[in-house]
Amino acid sequence: MAVTIHDYYRYKPSLDAAIVVAVLYTLAFAGTLLQFIRYRSWVWTVAVLASAMEAAGYIARCLSVKNVDNKNLYIINFTLIVLAPVLMAAACYIVFVCSPDFSGV
C-alpha cells in the first residue's frame, strides 16, 4: 500500500489485529463494569472510564483501518488508545493513596 498525502498511517494497519484487540478490551471493559457495579466500588470509576476509552479506541481503530484517509477516526483512535493507560495509572494511584494499608496510617 503506497502512502498517499491523506494516509495518516505510515504503514499498512492490520484489521485482524485491531478486531482481536478490540474484542479483548471490550470483554475486559465488560468484566470491569460488572465488578464495578456488583461491588459498588466507586473508587474504581477512573479505571472503568479508562477501560471504556481503551475499548472505544480500538473499535475506532477497526473503523479507521478501513478509512485510512479519515482524519477524525485517526485522531479518535490515537487519542483514546494513548490516554487510557494514563487514566489507569491514575486509578491505581488513587486506590493506593486512599487505601489505609498503603497510606502509612
C-alpha atoms as a PDB file:
ATOM      1  CA  MET A   1       0.000   0.000   0.000  1.00  0.00           C
ATOM      2  CA  ALA A   2       1.546   3.239  -1.116  1.00  0.00           C
ATOM      3  CA  VAL A   3       1.492   6.132   1.308  1.00  0.00           C
ATOM      4  CA  THR A   4      -0.606   8.980  -0.053  1.00  0.00           C
ATOM      5  CA  ILE A   5      -0.837  12.521   1.204  1.00  0.00           C
ATOM      6  CA  HIS A   6      -4.076  11.746   3.065  1.00  0.00           C
ATOM      7  CA  ASP A   7      -2.892   8.461   4.564  1.00  0.00           C
ATOM      8  CA  TYR A   8      -2.296   9.117   8.267  1.00  0.00           C
ATOM      9  CA  TYR A   9      -0.701   5.750   8.908  1.00  0.00           C
ATOM     10  CA  ARG A  10       2.849   5.351   7.667  1.00  0.00           C
ATOM     11  CA  TYR A  11       2.318   1.601   7.410  1.00  0.00           C
ATOM     12  CA  LYS A  12      -0.458  -0.824   6.460  1.00  0.00           C
ATOM     13  CA  PRO A  13      -2.568  -1.256   9.613  1.00  0.00           C
ATOM     14  CA  SER A  14      -3.896  -4.742  10.314  1.00  0.00           C
ATOM     15  CA  LEU A  15      -7.666  -5.075  10.549  1.00  0.00           C
ATOM     16  CA  ASP A  16      -7.388  -8.579  12.032  1.00  0.00           C
ATOM     17  CA  ALA A  17      -5.188  -7.421  14.893  1.00  0.00           C
ATOM     18  CA  ALA A  18      -7.439  -4.414  15.520  1.00  0.00           C
ATOM     19  CA  ILE A  19     -10.516  -6.663  15.745  1.00  0.00           C
ATOM     20  CA  VAL A  20      -8.832  -9.119  18.131  1.00  0.00           C
ATOM     21  CA  VAL A  21      -7.605  -6.346  20.420  1.00  0.00           C
ATOM     22  CA  ALA A  22     -10.970  -4.528  20.260  1.00  0.00           C
ATOM     23  CA  VAL A  23     -12.797  -7.704  21.308  1.00  0.00           C
ATOM     24  CA  LEU A  24     -10.354  -8.384  24.146  1.00  0.00           C
ATOM     25  CA  TYR A  25     -10.542  -4.831  25.501  1.00  0.00           C
ATOM     26  CA  THR A  26     -14.339  -4.815  25.186  1.00  0.00           C
ATOM     27  CA  LEU A  27     -14.515  -8.049  27.200  1.00  0.00           C
ATOM     28  CA  ALA A  28     -12.156  -6.557  29.790  1.00  0.00           C
ATOM     29  CA  PHE A  29     -14.332  -3.441  29.965  1.00  0.00           C
ATOM     30  CA  ALA A  30     -17.498  -5.521  30.387  1.00  0.00           C
ATOM     31  CA  GLY A  31     -15.901  -7.521  33.205  1.00  0.00           C
ATOM     32  CA  THR A  32     -14.612  -4.365  34.880  1.00  0.00           C
ATOM     33  CA  LEU A  33     -18.003  -2.693  34.614  1.00  0.00           C
ATOM     34  CA  LEU A  34     -19.822  -5.717  36.048  1.00  0.00           C
ATOM     35  CA  GLN A  35     -17.433  -5.908  39.007  1.00  0.00           C
ATOM     36  CA  PHE A  36     -17.685  -2.149  39.486  1.00  0.00           C
ATOM     37  CA  ILE A  37     -21.478  -2.332  39.705  1.00  0.00           C
ATOM     38  CA  ARG A  38     -21.586  -5.556  41.699  1.00  0.00           C
ATOM     39  CA  TYR A  39     -19.256  -4.403  44.467  1.00  0.00           C
ATOM     40  CA  ARG A  40     -20.176  -0.717  44.303  1.00  0.00           C
ATOM     41  CA  SER A  41     -16.522   0.226  44.463  1.00  0.00           C
ATOM     42  CA  TRP A  42     -16.764   3.840  43.363  1.00  0.00           C
ATOM     43  CA  VAL A  43     -13.063   4.437  43.837  1.00  0.00           C
ATOM     44  CA  TRP A  44     -12.520   2.488  40.601  1.00  0.00           C
ATOM     45  CA  THR A  45     -14.597   4.922  38.499  1.00  0.00           C
ATOM     46  CA  VAL A  46     -11.494   6.179  36.717  1.00  0.00           C
ATOM     47  CA  ALA A  47     -10.394   2.614  35.923  1.00  0.00           C
ATOM     48  CA  VAL A  48     -13.789   1.826  34.394  1.00  0.00           C
ATOM     49  CA  LEU A  49     -13.562   5.010  32.332  1.00  0.00           C
ATOM     50  CA  ALA A  50     -10.053   4.039  31.184  1.00  0.00           C
ATOM     51  CA  SER A  51     -11.279   0.562  30.179  1.00  0.00           C
ATOM     52  CA  ALA A  52     -14.116   2.116  28.189  1.00  0.00           C
ATOM     53  CA  MET A  53     -11.697   4.502  26.484  1.00  0.00           C
ATOM     54  CA  GLU A  54      -9.368   1.654  25.528  1.00  0.00           C
ATOM     55  CA  ALA A  55     -12.233  -0.411  24.078  1.00  0.00           C
ATOM     56  CA  ALA A  56     -13.629   2.597  22.192  1.00  0.00           C
ATOM     57  CA  GLY A  57     -10.166   3.446  20.904  1.00  0.00           C
ATOM     58  CA  TYR A  58      -9.662   0.018  19.383  1.00  0.00           C
ATOM     59  CA  ILE A  59     -13.182  -0.034  17.954  1.00  0.00           C
ATOM     60  CA  ALA A  60     -12.382   3.302  16.318  1.00  0.00           C
ATOM     61  CA  ARG A  61      -9.123   1.709  15.140  1.00  0.00           C
ATOM     62  CA  CYS A  62     -11.131  -1.024  13.375  1.00  0.00           C
ATOM     63  CA  LEU A  63     -13.122   1.656  11.580  1.00  0.00           C
ATOM     64  CA  SER A  64     -10.019   3.704  10.849  1.00  0.00           C
ATOM     65  CA  VAL A  65      -8.237   0.776   9.195  1.00  0.00           C
ATOM     66  CA  LYS A  66     -10.926   0.712   6.504  1.00  0.00           C
ATOM     67  CA  ASN A  67     -10.867   4.517   6.125  1.00  0.00           C
ATOM     68  CA  VAL A  68      -7.177   5.408   6.330  1.00  0.00           C
ATOM     69  CA  ASP A  69      -7.811   8.874   4.906  1.00  0.00           C
ATOM     70  CA  ASN A  70     -10.341   9.851   7.616  1.00  0.00           C
ATOM     71  CA  LYS A  71      -8.509  12.224   9.943  1.00  0.00           C
ATOM     72  CA  ASN A  72     -11.230  12.274  12.629  1.00  0.00           C
ATOM     73  CA  LEU A  73     -11.181   8.490  13.103  1.00  0.00           C
ATOM     74  CA  TYR A  74      -7.406   8.538  13.274  1.00  0.00           C
ATOM     75  CA  ILE A  75      -7.420  11.264  15.931  1.00  0.00           C
ATOM     76  CA  ILE A  76     -10.103   9.496  17.968  1.00  0.00           C
ATOM     77  CA  ASN A  77      -8.364   6.122  17.995  1.00  0.00           C
ATOM     78  CA  PHE A  78      -4.919   7.601  18.642  1.00  0.00           C
ATOM     79  CA  THR A  79      -6.134   9.844  21.467  1.00  0.00           C
ATOM     80  CA  LEU A  80      -8.176   7.174  23.247  1.00  0.00           C
ATOM     81  CA  ILE A  81      -5.507   4.483  22.955  1.00  0.00           C
ATOM     82  CA  VAL A  82      -2.770   6.804  24.245  1.00  0.00           C
ATOM     83  CA  LEU A  83      -4.725   8.470  27.082  1.00  0.00           C
ATOM     84  CA  ALA A  84      -6.385   5.355  28.532  1.00  0.00           C
ATOM     85  CA  PRO A  85      -3.219   3.946  30.185  1.00  0.00           C
ATOM     86  CA  VAL A  86      -2.603   7.338  31.794  1.00  0.00           C
ATOM     87  CA  LEU A  87      -6.029   7.190  33.412  1.00  0.00           C
ATOM     88  CA  MET A  88      -5.442   3.601  34.502  1.00  0.00           C
ATOM     89  CA  ALA A  89      -2.227   4.659  36.221  1.00  0.00           C
ATOM     90  CA  ALA A  90      -4.146   7.492  37.894  1.00  0.00           C
ATOM     91  CA  ALA A  91      -6.757   4.993  39.101  1.00  0.00           C
ATOM     92  CA  CYS A  92      -4.053   2.826  40.666  1.00  0.00           C
ATOM     93  CA  TYR A  93      -2.528   5.896  42.301  1.00  0.00           C
ATOM     94  CA  ILE A  94      -5.930   6.910  43.742  1.00  0.00           C
ATOM     95  CA  VAL A  95      -6.527   3.435  45.149  1.00  0.00           C
ATOM     96  CA  PHE A  96      -3.072   3.186  46.714  1.00  0.00           C
ATOM     97  CA  VAL A  97      -3.267   6.671  48.241  1.00  0.00           C
ATOM     98  CA  CYS A  98      -6.802   6.192  49.599  1.00  0.00           C
ATOM     99  CA  SER A  99      -6.168   2.705  50.947  1.00  0.00           C
ATOM    100  CA  PRO A 100      -5.389   2.540  54.680  1.00  0.00           C
ATOM    101  CA  ASP A 101      -2.968  -0.344  54.024  1.00  0.00           C
ATOM    102  CA  PHE A 102      -0.709   1.834  51.891  1.00  0.00           C
ATOM    103  CA  SER A 103      -1.208   5.291  53.396  1.00  0.00           C
ATOM    104  CA  GLY A 104       1.098   4.723  56.344  1.00  0.00           C
ATOM    105  CA  VAL A 105      -1.654   5.455  58.872  1.00  0.00           C
END
